[in-house]
Amino acid sequence: MGRHHIVAWNIVVLSLALVVACGGGDGGGGAKTATATRTLAKTPAPRASATAGAEPSATGAATQPGGQPAPTPAEPTQSDGQPVPTPSATPPPAPQPSDTPPPAGTTIAVSLREFSLALAAGTAPSGLVTFSLSNDGTIPHDFAVIMTDLAPDALPVDPATYQVRLSGLNLVRFQPPFGSGASVQVPVDLPAGNYVLICNVASHYQAGMRVGFVVQ
């Protein structure tokens, strides 16, 4: 081969090398791009670090790295190996029955109205007698317990006030006037004897609010 032919061939080879170095046209660039894409697709994703915390599993339970379930914390135990008992709330103490006895004695229901005084019982044993008063009328009434041997309708009356003269009698207990619908408890310690129970609001005694009572 002549010297001129060798120089020409070298120029052709150099031109081809420059074309390849510049990308070799659209076809060469596309081939390189596809090759790079396949290389990236084959590159494995980075693995989780061994020091990462436990991840929840599909069921919600915590798991360790590698898919193993996280260990459940052990229950606290006593020195003998028995589980520590769970403290329970202390129930309040049950109420104790009272040692105080109920009041002794007799209770007599008394109904006061215009114009009568009615007793549930006309006698009682000596000692504590509780008169349970009920004003079943429409106006106020009072209540007097008088120890006397006089008949219920024979008590002295003051003509100026239309009331029984209590100052000349043995008045054991007096309950001031109380209104319609009210109830009052009147306890009295009564010795054996005869009594007259009255309402001493003006003219009520004369109208019929009186009754005899005997304590035995």
N, C-alpha and C. Protein backbone atom coordinates (compact mmCIF):
# COMPACT_ATOMS: atom_id res chain seq x y z
N MET A 1 0.89 -1.19 0.00
CA MET A 1 0.00 0.00 0.00
C MET A 1 0.91 1.22 0.00
N GLY A 2 0.50 2.23 -0.71
CA GLY A 2 1.32 3.42 -0.80
C GLY A 2 1.20 4.30 0.42
N ARG A 3 2.15 5.16 0.48
CA ARG A 3 2.17 6.06 1.66
C ARG A 3 0.93 6.91 1.70
N HIS A 4 0.43 7.37 0.57
CA HIS A 4 -0.77 8.22 0.55
C HIS A 4 -2.00 7.46 0.98
N HIS A 5 -2.04 6.18 0.63
CA HIS A 5 -3.19 5.37 1.05
C HIS A 5 -3.21 5.16 2.56
N ILE A 6 -2.05 4.99 3.15
CA ILE A 6 -1.98 4.78 4.62
C ILE A 6 -2.46 6.02 5.35
N VAL A 7 -2.06 7.20 4.90
CA VAL A 7 -2.49 8.45 5.54
C VAL A 7 -3.98 8.62 5.42
N ALA A 8 -4.55 8.32 4.27
CA ALA A 8 -6.00 8.44 4.08
C ALA A 8 -6.77 7.48 5.01
N TRP A 9 -6.25 6.28 5.08
CA TRP A 9 -6.93 5.29 5.98
C TRP A 9 -6.90 5.74 7.44
N ASN A 10 -5.80 6.28 7.88
CA ASN A 10 -5.71 6.79 9.26
C ASN A 10 -6.71 7.91 9.51
N ILE A 11 -6.91 8.76 8.47
CA ILE A 11 -7.88 9.85 8.63
C ILE A 11 -9.29 9.30 8.78
N VAL A 12 -9.60 8.26 8.01
CA VAL A 12 -10.95 7.64 8.12
C VAL A 12 -11.16 7.03 9.50
N VAL A 13 -10.15 6.30 9.97
CA VAL A 13 -10.25 5.67 11.31
C VAL A 13 -10.43 6.71 12.38
N LEU A 14 -9.68 7.82 12.28
CA LEU A 14 -9.79 8.89 13.29
C LEU A 14 -11.17 9.53 13.27
N SER A 15 -11.74 9.69 12.05
CA SER A 15 -13.09 10.28 11.93
C SER A 15 -14.14 9.39 12.60
N LEU A 16 -13.99 8.06 12.34
CA LEU A 16 -14.92 7.12 12.98
C LEU A 16 -14.80 7.14 14.50
N ALA A 17 -13.62 7.29 15.01
CA ALA A 17 -13.41 7.33 16.47
C ALA A 17 -14.06 8.56 17.08
N LEU A 18 -13.99 9.72 16.32
CA LEU A 18 -14.61 10.93 16.82
C LEU A 18 -16.13 10.79 16.85
N VAL A 19 -16.68 10.13 15.81
CA VAL A 19 -18.14 9.93 15.78
C VAL A 19 -18.60 9.09 16.96
N VAL A 20 -17.85 8.03 17.24
CA VAL A 20 -18.20 7.15 18.36
C VAL A 20 -18.09 7.90 19.68
N ALA A 21 -17.03 8.72 19.82
CA ALA A 21 -16.84 9.46 21.07
C ALA A 21 -17.93 10.46 21.30
N CYS A 22 -18.55 11.05 20.25
CA CYS A 22 -19.61 12.05 20.39
C CYS A 22 -20.98 11.44 20.57
N GLY A 23 -21.10 10.16 20.65
CA GLY A 23 -22.40 9.55 20.90
C GLY A 23 -22.89 8.68 19.81
N GLY A 24 -22.25 8.73 18.68
CA GLY A 24 -22.62 7.85 17.60
C GLY A 24 -23.98 8.10 17.04
N GLY A 25 -24.50 9.34 17.14
CA GLY A 25 -25.81 9.64 16.57
C GLY A 25 -26.92 9.24 17.50
N ASP A 26 -28.19 9.44 17.03
CA ASP A 26 -29.36 9.14 17.85
C ASP A 26 -29.45 7.68 18.20
N GLY A 27 -29.09 6.81 17.30
CA GLY A 27 -29.21 5.38 17.57
C GLY A 27 -28.30 4.96 18.66
N GLY A 28 -27.04 5.46 18.64
CA GLY A 28 -26.12 5.07 19.70
C GLY A 28 -26.53 5.56 21.05
N GLY A 29 -27.02 6.84 21.10
CA GLY A 29 -27.46 7.41 22.40
C GLY A 29 -28.62 6.65 22.97
N GLY A 30 -29.59 6.22 22.11
CA GLY A 30 -30.75 5.48 22.61
C GLY A 30 -30.35 4.15 23.17
N ALA A 31 -29.34 3.48 22.51
CA ALA A 31 -28.90 2.19 23.02
C ALA A 31 -28.27 2.33 24.38
N LYS A 32 -27.43 3.41 24.54
CA LYS A 32 -26.79 3.61 25.85
C LYS A 32 -27.82 3.92 26.93
N THR A 33 -28.88 4.72 26.55
CA THR A 33 -29.92 5.06 27.55
C THR A 33 -30.66 3.82 28.00
N ALA A 34 -30.99 2.93 27.03
CA ALA A 34 -31.70 1.69 27.40
C ALA A 34 -30.85 0.83 28.28
N THR A 35 -29.53 0.77 27.95
CA THR A 35 -28.62 -0.03 28.77
C THR A 35 -28.57 0.50 30.19
N ALA A 36 -28.52 1.82 30.34
CA ALA A 36 -28.47 2.42 31.69
C ALA A 36 -29.74 2.15 32.46
N THR A 37 -30.90 2.20 31.76
CA THR A 37 -32.18 1.93 32.44
C THR A 37 -32.24 0.51 32.96
N ARG A 38 -31.78 -0.46 32.11
CA ARG A 38 -31.78 -1.85 32.56
C ARG A 38 -30.84 -2.04 33.74
N THR A 39 -29.76 -1.31 33.75
CA THR A 39 -28.81 -1.44 34.86
C THR A 39 -29.43 -0.95 36.17
N LEU A 40 -30.15 0.21 36.10
CA LEU A 40 -30.79 0.74 37.31
C LEU A 40 -31.90 -0.18 37.80
N ALA A 41 -32.65 -0.81 36.85
CA ALA A 41 -33.75 -1.70 37.27
C ALA A 41 -33.21 -2.91 37.99
N LYS A 42 -32.02 -3.37 37.61
CA LYS A 42 -31.46 -4.57 38.24
C LYS A 42 -30.78 -4.26 39.57
N THR A 43 -30.58 -2.98 39.86
CA THR A 43 -29.89 -2.62 41.11
C THR A 43 -30.79 -2.91 42.30
N PRO A 44 -30.44 -3.76 43.26
CA PRO A 44 -31.31 -4.09 44.42
C PRO A 44 -31.50 -2.89 45.33
N ALA A 45 -32.74 -2.82 45.93
CA ALA A 45 -33.03 -1.74 46.89
C ALA A 45 -32.18 -1.92 48.13
N PRO A 46 -31.82 -0.83 48.79
CA PRO A 46 -31.01 -0.95 50.02
C PRO A 46 -31.78 -1.68 51.10
N ARG A 47 -31.14 -2.61 51.78
CA ARG A 47 -31.76 -3.41 52.84
C ARG A 47 -31.85 -2.59 54.13
N ALA A 48 -32.90 -2.94 54.92
CA ALA A 48 -33.08 -2.25 56.22
C ALA A 48 -31.92 -2.55 57.12
N SER A 49 -31.58 -1.55 57.90
CA SER A 49 -30.47 -1.72 58.85
C SER A 49 -30.86 -2.71 59.93
N ALA A 50 -29.89 -3.47 60.40
CA ALA A 50 -30.13 -4.45 61.47
C ALA A 50 -30.51 -3.79 62.76
N THR A 51 -30.22 -2.48 62.87
CA THR A 51 -30.53 -1.78 64.12
C THR A 51 -31.88 -1.11 64.08
N ALA A 52 -32.64 -1.25 62.96
CA ALA A 52 -33.95 -0.59 62.89
C ALA A 52 -34.89 -1.17 63.92
N GLY A 53 -35.88 -0.36 64.38
CA GLY A 53 -36.84 -0.80 65.39
C GLY A 53 -37.81 -1.81 64.84
N ALA A 54 -38.58 -2.45 65.73
CA ALA A 54 -39.56 -3.44 65.33
C ALA A 54 -40.66 -2.79 64.52
N GLU A 55 -41.09 -3.45 63.47
CA GLU A 55 -42.15 -2.94 62.63
C GLU A 55 -43.43 -3.71 62.90
N PRO A 56 -44.59 -3.05 62.83
CA PRO A 56 -45.84 -3.79 63.02
C PRO A 56 -46.08 -4.72 61.86
N SER A 57 -46.57 -5.93 62.14
CA SER A 57 -46.90 -6.91 61.12
C SER A 57 -48.24 -6.59 60.50
N ALA A 58 -48.66 -7.43 59.54
CA ALA A 58 -49.95 -7.20 58.87
C ALA A 58 -51.10 -7.29 59.84
N THR A 59 -50.94 -8.06 60.93
CA THR A 59 -52.02 -8.22 61.91
C THR A 59 -51.99 -7.16 62.99
N GLY A 60 -50.99 -6.24 62.94
CA GLY A 60 -50.93 -5.18 63.93
C GLY A 60 -49.94 -5.47 65.04
N ALA A 61 -49.39 -6.73 65.12
CA ALA A 61 -48.45 -7.07 66.19
C ALA A 61 -47.06 -6.59 65.82
N ALA A 62 -46.29 -6.16 66.79
CA ALA A 62 -44.94 -5.68 66.53
C ALA A 62 -44.04 -6.84 66.18
N THR A 63 -43.14 -6.63 65.21
CA THR A 63 -42.20 -7.67 64.79
C THR A 63 -40.80 -7.11 64.84
N GLN A 64 -39.81 -8.00 64.97
CA GLN A 64 -38.41 -7.61 64.95
C GLN A 64 -37.94 -7.57 63.50
N PRO A 65 -36.75 -7.01 63.24
CA PRO A 65 -36.18 -7.08 61.89
C PRO A 65 -36.04 -8.52 61.46
N GLY A 66 -36.42 -8.86 60.26
CA GLY A 66 -36.38 -10.23 59.77
C GLY A 66 -37.75 -10.88 59.82
N GLY A 67 -38.80 -10.14 60.33
CA GLY A 67 -40.16 -10.69 60.33
C GLY A 67 -40.52 -11.49 61.56
N GLN A 68 -39.60 -11.62 62.53
CA GLN A 68 -39.92 -12.37 63.74
C GLN A 68 -40.74 -11.52 64.70
N PRO A 69 -41.76 -12.11 65.39
CA PRO A 69 -42.57 -11.33 66.34
C PRO A 69 -41.75 -10.84 67.52
N ALA A 70 -42.05 -9.61 67.97
CA ALA A 70 -41.35 -9.05 69.13
C ALA A 70 -41.74 -9.81 70.39
N PRO A 71 -40.82 -10.07 71.30
CA PRO A 71 -41.15 -10.82 72.53
C PRO A 71 -42.09 -10.03 73.43
N THR A 72 -43.04 -10.73 74.10
CA THR A 72 -43.97 -10.11 75.04
C THR A 72 -43.28 -9.91 76.38
N PRO A 73 -43.38 -8.70 77.00
CA PRO A 73 -42.73 -8.50 78.30
C PRO A 73 -43.24 -9.50 79.34
N ALA A 74 -42.33 -10.06 80.10
CA ALA A 74 -42.71 -11.04 81.12
C ALA A 74 -43.42 -10.37 82.28
N GLU A 75 -44.41 -11.07 82.88
CA GLU A 75 -45.12 -10.53 84.04
C GLU A 75 -44.18 -10.50 85.24
N PRO A 76 -44.31 -9.47 86.10
CA PRO A 76 -43.47 -9.42 87.31
C PRO A 76 -43.79 -10.58 88.25
N THR A 77 -42.77 -11.12 88.88
CA THR A 77 -42.95 -12.23 89.79
C THR A 77 -42.36 -11.89 91.15
N GLN A 78 -42.79 -12.66 92.18
CA GLN A 78 -42.26 -12.52 93.52
C GLN A 78 -40.97 -13.33 93.63
N SER A 79 -40.36 -13.27 94.82
CA SER A 79 -39.11 -13.98 95.04
C SER A 79 -39.28 -15.49 94.93
N ASP A 80 -40.48 -16.02 95.20
CA ASP A 80 -40.72 -17.46 95.11
C ASP A 80 -41.18 -17.89 93.73
N GLY A 81 -41.17 -16.96 92.76
CA GLY A 81 -41.56 -17.31 91.41
C GLY A 81 -43.02 -17.16 91.10
N GLN A 82 -43.85 -16.86 92.10
CA GLN A 82 -45.27 -16.69 91.89
C GLN A 82 -45.56 -15.31 91.32
N PRO A 83 -46.60 -15.20 90.45
CA PRO A 83 -46.95 -13.87 89.92
C PRO A 83 -47.32 -12.90 91.02
N VAL A 84 -46.94 -11.65 90.81
CA VAL A 84 -47.29 -10.60 91.78
C VAL A 84 -48.80 -10.40 91.74
N PRO A 85 -49.51 -10.54 92.87
CA PRO A 85 -50.98 -10.39 92.86
C PRO A 85 -51.39 -8.98 92.49
N THR A 86 -52.47 -8.88 91.75
CA THR A 86 -53.02 -7.57 91.36
C THR A 86 -53.79 -6.97 92.52
N PRO A 87 -53.43 -5.75 92.97
CA PRO A 87 -54.16 -5.16 94.11
C PRO A 87 -55.60 -4.89 93.74
N SER A 88 -56.50 -5.17 94.65
CA SER A 88 -57.94 -4.92 94.42
C SER A 88 -58.42 -3.83 95.37
N ALA A 89 -59.49 -3.13 94.94
CA ALA A 89 -60.05 -2.05 95.76
C ALA A 89 -60.68 -2.62 97.02
N THR A 90 -60.40 -1.99 98.15
CA THR A 90 -60.97 -2.44 99.42
C THR A 90 -62.41 -1.95 99.54
N PRO A 91 -63.39 -2.87 99.69
CA PRO A 91 -64.79 -2.42 99.79
C PRO A 91 -65.03 -1.66 101.09
N PRO A 92 -65.95 -0.70 101.08
CA PRO A 92 -66.24 0.03 102.31
C PRO A 92 -66.84 -0.89 103.35
N PRO A 93 -66.59 -0.61 104.62
CA PRO A 93 -67.16 -1.47 105.66
C PRO A 93 -68.68 -1.43 105.65
N ALA A 94 -69.26 -2.58 105.91
CA ALA A 94 -70.73 -2.67 105.94
C ALA A 94 -71.26 -1.90 107.16
N PRO A 95 -72.39 -1.19 106.99
CA PRO A 95 -72.95 -0.46 108.13
C PRO A 95 -73.33 -1.40 109.26
N GLN A 96 -72.98 -1.00 110.45
CA GLN A 96 -73.29 -1.79 111.62
C GLN A 96 -74.61 -1.35 112.24
N PRO A 97 -75.40 -2.30 112.72
CA PRO A 97 -76.67 -1.92 113.35
C PRO A 97 -76.44 -1.06 114.59
N SER A 98 -77.30 -0.11 114.79
CA SER A 98 -77.17 0.78 115.93
C SER A 98 -77.54 0.05 117.22
N ASP A 99 -76.78 0.37 118.28
CA ASP A 99 -77.08 -0.22 119.59
C ASP A 99 -78.11 0.58 120.36
N THR A 100 -78.56 1.72 119.77
CA THR A 100 -79.53 2.55 120.47
C THR A 100 -80.92 1.95 120.33
N PRO A 101 -81.56 1.59 121.41
CA PRO A 101 -82.89 0.98 121.30
C PRO A 101 -83.93 2.02 120.89
N PRO A 102 -85.00 1.60 120.23
CA PRO A 102 -86.05 2.55 119.88
C PRO A 102 -86.72 3.10 121.14
N PRO A 103 -87.27 4.29 121.03
CA PRO A 103 -87.93 4.87 122.21
C PRO A 103 -89.01 3.95 122.75
N ALA A 104 -88.99 3.78 124.07
CA ALA A 104 -90.01 2.94 124.71
C ALA A 104 -91.26 3.77 124.95
N GLY A 105 -92.32 3.11 125.33
CA GLY A 105 -93.55 3.82 125.66
C GLY A 105 -94.67 3.51 124.69
N THR A 106 -95.70 4.34 124.76
CA THR A 106 -96.91 4.14 123.98
C THR A 106 -97.15 5.36 123.10
N THR A 107 -97.59 5.11 121.87
CA THR A 107 -97.94 6.21 120.96
C THR A 107 -99.43 6.19 120.70
N ILE A 108 -100.06 7.34 120.88
CA ILE A 108 -101.51 7.49 120.67
C ILE A 108 -101.73 8.50 119.55
N ALA A 109 -102.39 8.06 118.48
CA ALA A 109 -102.72 8.98 117.39
C ALA A 109 -103.92 9.83 117.80
N VAL A 110 -103.82 11.15 117.52
CA VAL A 110 -104.87 12.10 117.88
C VAL A 110 -105.22 12.93 116.65
N SER A 111 -106.49 12.96 116.28
CA SER A 111 -106.96 13.75 115.14
C SER A 111 -107.76 14.94 115.65
N LEU A 112 -107.34 16.16 115.26
CA LEU A 112 -108.04 17.38 115.66
C LEU A 112 -108.70 18.00 114.42
N ARG A 113 -109.97 18.36 114.56
CA ARG A 113 -110.70 19.00 113.47
C ARG A 113 -111.84 19.82 114.07
N GLU A 114 -112.53 20.61 113.25
CA GLU A 114 -113.65 21.42 113.72
C GLU A 114 -114.92 20.54 113.78
N PHE A 115 -115.47 20.27 114.97
CA PHE A 115 -114.89 20.56 116.27
C PHE A 115 -114.94 19.26 117.06
N SER A 116 -113.87 18.50 116.95
CA SER A 116 -113.78 17.24 117.67
C SER A 116 -112.31 16.92 117.93
N LEU A 117 -112.09 16.04 118.89
CA LEU A 117 -110.75 15.59 119.24
C LEU A 117 -110.85 14.07 119.41
N ALA A 118 -110.37 13.30 118.42
CA ALA A 118 -110.54 11.85 118.41
C ALA A 118 -109.22 11.15 118.71
N LEU A 119 -109.28 10.15 119.65
CA LEU A 119 -108.09 9.38 120.03
C LEU A 119 -108.16 7.98 119.43
N ALA A 120 -106.99 7.44 119.06
CA ALA A 120 -106.94 6.06 118.59
C ALA A 120 -107.14 5.09 119.74
N ALA A 121 -106.83 5.50 120.99
CA ALA A 121 -107.03 4.67 122.18
C ALA A 121 -107.32 5.60 123.35
N GLY A 122 -108.23 5.18 124.24
CA GLY A 122 -108.62 6.02 125.38
C GLY A 122 -107.82 5.74 126.64
N THR A 123 -106.92 4.73 126.62
CA THR A 123 -106.11 4.40 127.79
C THR A 123 -104.68 4.08 127.37
N ALA A 124 -103.78 4.13 128.35
CA ALA A 124 -102.38 3.79 128.10
C ALA A 124 -101.73 3.42 129.42
N PRO A 125 -100.67 2.58 129.40
CA PRO A 125 -99.95 2.29 130.64
C PRO A 125 -99.16 3.51 131.08
N SER A 126 -98.88 3.59 132.38
CA SER A 126 -98.10 4.72 132.89
C SER A 126 -96.70 4.71 132.30
N GLY A 127 -96.13 5.89 132.21
CA GLY A 127 -94.80 6.02 131.62
C GLY A 127 -94.85 6.98 130.43
N LEU A 128 -93.96 6.77 129.50
CA LEU A 128 -93.88 7.67 128.35
C LEU A 128 -95.04 7.40 127.39
N VAL A 129 -95.81 8.45 127.14
CA VAL A 129 -96.90 8.39 126.17
C VAL A 129 -96.64 9.51 125.15
N THR A 130 -96.59 9.13 123.87
CA THR A 130 -96.39 10.11 122.80
C THR A 130 -97.70 10.30 122.07
N PHE A 131 -98.22 11.54 122.14
CA PHE A 131 -99.44 11.88 121.40
C PHE A 131 -99.01 12.35 120.00
N SER A 132 -99.42 11.57 118.99
CA SER A 132 -99.10 11.91 117.61
C SER A 132 -100.26 12.72 117.04
N LEU A 133 -100.08 14.04 117.06
CA LEU A 133 -101.17 14.95 116.69
C LEU A 133 -101.21 15.19 115.19
N SER A 134 -102.43 15.26 114.66
CA SER A 134 -102.63 15.58 113.24
C SER A 134 -103.77 16.58 113.13
N ASN A 135 -103.48 17.74 112.57
CA ASN A 135 -104.52 18.75 112.37
C ASN A 135 -105.24 18.44 111.06
N ASP A 136 -106.37 17.78 111.18
CA ASP A 136 -107.16 17.40 110.01
C ASP A 136 -108.26 18.41 109.70
N GLY A 137 -108.20 19.56 110.36
CA GLY A 137 -109.18 20.61 110.12
C GLY A 137 -108.67 21.64 109.14
N THR A 138 -109.31 22.78 109.15
CA THR A 138 -108.95 23.85 108.21
C THR A 138 -108.40 25.09 108.90
N ILE A 139 -108.38 25.10 110.25
CA ILE A 139 -107.87 26.23 111.01
C ILE A 139 -106.89 25.72 112.07
N PRO A 140 -106.06 26.59 112.65
CA PRO A 140 -105.11 26.14 113.67
C PRO A 140 -105.81 25.61 114.92
N HIS A 141 -105.11 24.64 115.58
CA HIS A 141 -105.57 24.09 116.86
C HIS A 141 -104.37 23.94 117.78
N ASP A 142 -104.63 23.98 119.11
CA ASP A 142 -103.59 23.67 120.08
C ASP A 142 -103.97 22.38 120.80
N PHE A 143 -103.17 22.00 121.82
CA PHE A 143 -103.42 20.73 122.50
C PHE A 143 -102.93 20.84 123.93
N ALA A 144 -103.79 20.50 124.88
CA ALA A 144 -103.44 20.57 126.30
C ALA A 144 -103.75 19.23 126.97
N VAL A 145 -102.79 18.78 127.83
CA VAL A 145 -102.97 17.55 128.61
C VAL A 145 -103.14 17.98 130.07
N ILE A 146 -104.33 17.72 130.64
CA ILE A 146 -104.66 18.17 131.99
C ILE A 146 -104.97 16.95 132.86
N MET A 147 -104.27 16.84 134.01
CA MET A 147 -104.55 15.76 134.95
C MET A 147 -105.61 16.25 135.93
N THR A 148 -106.78 15.62 135.89
CA THR A 148 -107.90 16.06 136.72
C THR A 148 -108.93 14.95 136.84
N ASP A 149 -109.67 14.99 137.96
CA ASP A 149 -110.77 14.03 138.13
C ASP A 149 -112.09 14.64 137.68
N LEU A 150 -112.08 15.87 137.18
CA LEU A 150 -113.30 16.48 136.67
C LEU A 150 -113.72 15.81 135.36
N ALA A 151 -115.00 15.88 135.09
CA ALA A 151 -115.51 15.35 133.83
C ALA A 151 -114.98 16.20 132.67
N PRO A 152 -114.84 15.62 131.46
CA PRO A 152 -114.30 16.37 130.33
C PRO A 152 -115.05 17.66 130.03
N ASP A 153 -116.36 17.69 130.33
CA ASP A 153 -117.13 18.90 130.00
C ASP A 153 -117.34 19.80 131.20
N ALA A 154 -116.59 19.55 132.31
CA ALA A 154 -116.80 20.32 133.54
C ALA A 154 -115.62 21.21 133.89
N LEU A 155 -114.72 21.47 133.00
CA LEU A 155 -113.57 22.31 133.29
C LEU A 155 -114.01 23.78 133.36
N PRO A 156 -113.35 24.58 134.24
CA PRO A 156 -113.74 25.99 134.37
C PRO A 156 -113.36 26.79 133.13
N VAL A 157 -114.27 27.66 132.68
CA VAL A 157 -114.04 28.47 131.48
C VAL A 157 -114.08 29.94 131.85
N ASP A 158 -113.13 30.70 131.33
CA ASP A 158 -113.09 32.14 131.54
C ASP A 158 -114.08 32.78 130.57
N PRO A 159 -115.13 33.47 131.06
CA PRO A 159 -116.14 34.05 130.16
C PRO A 159 -115.60 35.20 129.33
N ALA A 160 -114.45 35.80 129.73
CA ALA A 160 -113.89 36.92 128.97
C ALA A 160 -113.10 36.44 127.76
N THR A 161 -112.44 35.29 127.89
CA THR A 161 -111.58 34.80 126.80
C THR A 161 -112.17 33.59 126.09
N TYR A 162 -113.21 32.99 126.65
CA TYR A 162 -113.82 31.77 126.10
C TYR A 162 -112.82 30.62 126.06
N GLN A 163 -111.94 30.59 127.06
CA GLN A 163 -110.93 29.54 127.16
C GLN A 163 -110.99 28.92 128.56
N VAL A 164 -110.52 27.67 128.68
CA VAL A 164 -110.42 26.99 129.97
C VAL A 164 -109.34 27.69 130.79
N ARG A 165 -109.64 27.90 132.11
CA ARG A 165 -108.66 28.52 133.01
C ARG A 165 -107.61 27.48 133.38
N LEU A 166 -106.53 27.47 132.65
CA LEU A 166 -105.48 26.48 132.90
C LEU A 166 -104.71 26.76 134.17
N SER A 167 -104.70 28.00 134.64
CA SER A 167 -103.94 28.36 135.84
C SER A 167 -104.48 27.66 137.08
N GLY A 168 -105.74 27.30 137.10
CA GLY A 168 -106.32 26.63 138.27
C GLY A 168 -106.32 25.12 138.13
N LEU A 169 -105.68 24.57 137.11
CA LEU A 169 -105.68 23.13 136.87
C LEU A 169 -104.25 22.58 136.81
N ASN A 170 -104.12 21.25 136.89
CA ASN A 170 -102.81 20.60 136.81
C ASN A 170 -102.48 20.35 135.31
N LEU A 171 -101.91 21.39 134.69
CA LEU A 171 -101.55 21.29 133.28
C LEU A 171 -100.22 20.53 133.16
N VAL A 172 -100.26 19.37 132.50
CA VAL A 172 -99.07 18.53 132.37
C VAL A 172 -98.25 18.91 131.14
N ARG A 173 -98.94 19.21 130.05
CA ARG A 173 -98.23 19.55 128.80
C ARG A 173 -99.13 20.39 127.92
N PHE A 174 -98.52 21.40 127.25
CA PHE A 174 -99.29 22.25 126.34
C PHE A 174 -98.52 22.38 125.03
N GLN A 175 -99.23 22.12 123.92
CA GLN A 175 -98.68 22.29 122.58
C GLN A 175 -99.32 23.51 121.94
N PRO A 176 -98.52 24.54 121.60
CA PRO A 176 -99.09 25.75 120.98
C PRO A 176 -99.80 25.43 119.67
N PRO A 177 -100.60 26.36 119.17
CA PRO A 177 -101.37 26.11 117.94
C PRO A 177 -100.47 25.75 116.75
N PHE A 178 -100.93 24.82 115.92
CA PHE A 178 -100.24 24.43 114.69
C PHE A 178 -101.27 24.35 113.57
N GLY A 179 -100.82 24.59 112.35
CA GLY A 179 -101.72 24.82 111.24
C GLY A 179 -102.37 23.58 110.64
N SER A 180 -103.29 23.84 109.74
CA SER A 180 -104.01 22.78 109.04
C SER A 180 -103.06 21.91 108.24
N GLY A 181 -103.23 20.59 108.36
CA GLY A 181 -102.39 19.64 107.63
C GLY A 181 -101.09 19.30 108.32
N ALA A 182 -100.75 20.00 109.41
CA ALA A 182 -99.49 19.75 110.11
C ALA A 182 -99.63 18.58 111.08
N SER A 183 -98.48 17.96 111.39
CA SER A 183 -98.43 16.87 112.37
C SER A 183 -97.36 17.20 113.40
N VAL A 184 -97.64 16.86 114.66
CA VAL A 184 -96.73 17.18 115.76
C VAL A 184 -96.68 15.98 116.71
N GLN A 185 -95.45 15.67 117.16
CA GLN A 185 -95.27 14.61 118.16
C GLN A 185 -95.10 15.25 119.53
N VAL A 186 -95.94 14.81 120.49
CA VAL A 186 -95.91 15.39 121.85
C VAL A 186 -95.67 14.26 122.85
N PRO A 187 -94.40 14.04 123.26
CA PRO A 187 -94.13 13.01 124.26
C PRO A 187 -94.36 13.55 125.68
N VAL A 188 -95.00 12.75 126.53
CA VAL A 188 -95.29 13.15 127.90
C VAL A 188 -95.09 11.95 128.82
N ASP A 189 -94.43 12.18 129.96
CA ASP A 189 -94.28 11.11 130.96
C ASP A 189 -95.46 11.22 131.92
N LEU A 190 -96.37 10.26 131.85
CA LEU A 190 -97.63 10.34 132.59
C LEU A 190 -97.70 9.28 133.68
N PRO A 191 -97.95 9.70 134.92
CA PRO A 191 -98.25 8.73 135.98
C PRO A 191 -99.69 8.26 135.85
N ALA A 192 -100.01 7.20 136.56
CA ALA A 192 -101.38 6.69 136.52
C ALA A 192 -102.35 7.75 137.03
N GLY A 193 -103.54 7.84 136.41
CA GLY A 193 -104.54 8.81 136.83
C GLY A 193 -105.49 9.13 135.69
N ASN A 194 -106.39 10.11 135.94
CA ASN A 194 -107.38 10.55 134.97
C ASN A 194 -106.93 11.86 134.33
N TYR A 195 -107.22 11.98 133.06
CA TYR A 195 -106.78 13.16 132.31
C TYR A 195 -107.92 13.63 131.39
N VAL A 196 -107.83 14.92 131.03
CA VAL A 196 -108.71 15.48 130.01
C VAL A 196 -107.81 16.14 128.98
N LEU A 197 -108.05 15.80 127.71
CA LEU A 197 -107.28 16.37 126.60
C LEU A 197 -108.20 17.34 125.86
N ILE A 198 -107.69 18.57 125.61
CA ILE A 198 -108.55 19.58 125.00
C ILE A 198 -107.78 20.40 123.96
N CYS A 199 -108.54 21.11 123.11
CA CYS A 199 -108.02 22.22 122.32
C CYS A 199 -108.53 23.48 123.00
N ASN A 200 -107.60 24.38 123.39
CA ASN A 200 -107.99 25.55 124.17
C ASN A 200 -107.96 26.85 123.35
N VAL A 201 -108.02 26.73 122.00
CA VAL A 201 -108.26 27.93 121.20
C VAL A 201 -109.66 28.46 121.59
N ALA A 202 -109.82 29.77 121.63
CA ALA A 202 -111.07 30.38 122.11
C ALA A 202 -112.30 29.71 121.52
N SER A 203 -113.17 29.24 122.44
CA SER A 203 -114.48 28.62 122.17
C SER A 203 -114.38 27.21 121.58
N HIS A 204 -113.18 26.70 121.31
CA HIS A 204 -113.08 25.34 120.74
C HIS A 204 -113.45 24.29 121.79
N TYR A 205 -113.05 24.51 123.05
CA TYR A 205 -113.43 23.56 124.11
C TYR A 205 -114.94 23.46 124.22
N GLN A 206 -115.62 24.61 124.24
CA GLN A 206 -117.07 24.61 124.37
C GLN A 206 -117.74 23.98 123.13
N ALA A 207 -117.08 24.08 121.96
CA ALA A 207 -117.67 23.55 120.73
C ALA A 207 -117.53 22.03 120.64
N GLY A 208 -116.76 21.40 121.57
CA GLY A 208 -116.69 19.94 121.58
C GLY A 208 -115.29 19.34 121.48
N MET A 209 -114.24 20.17 121.45
CA MET A 209 -112.89 19.63 121.32
C MET A 209 -112.33 19.28 122.70
N ARG A 210 -112.80 18.15 123.26
CA ARG A 210 -112.40 17.66 124.60
C ARG A 210 -112.68 16.15 124.65
N VAL A 211 -111.84 15.47 125.43
CA VAL A 211 -112.00 14.01 125.57
C VAL A 211 -111.28 13.56 126.82
N GLY A 212 -111.85 12.55 127.51
CA GLY A 212 -111.20 11.97 128.69
C GLY A 212 -110.16 10.94 128.30
N PHE A 213 -109.14 10.77 129.16
CA PHE A 213 -108.05 9.83 128.91
C PHE A 213 -107.61 9.24 130.24
N VAL A 214 -107.35 7.92 130.29
CA VAL A 214 -107.00 7.24 131.52
C VAL A 214 -105.62 6.58 131.36
N VAL A 215 -104.74 6.83 132.35
CA VAL A 215 -103.44 6.19 132.40
C VAL A 215 -103.46 5.19 133.56
N GLN A 216 -103.16 3.95 133.31
CA GLN A 216 -103.27 2.89 134.31
C GLN A 216 -101.91 2.52 134.92
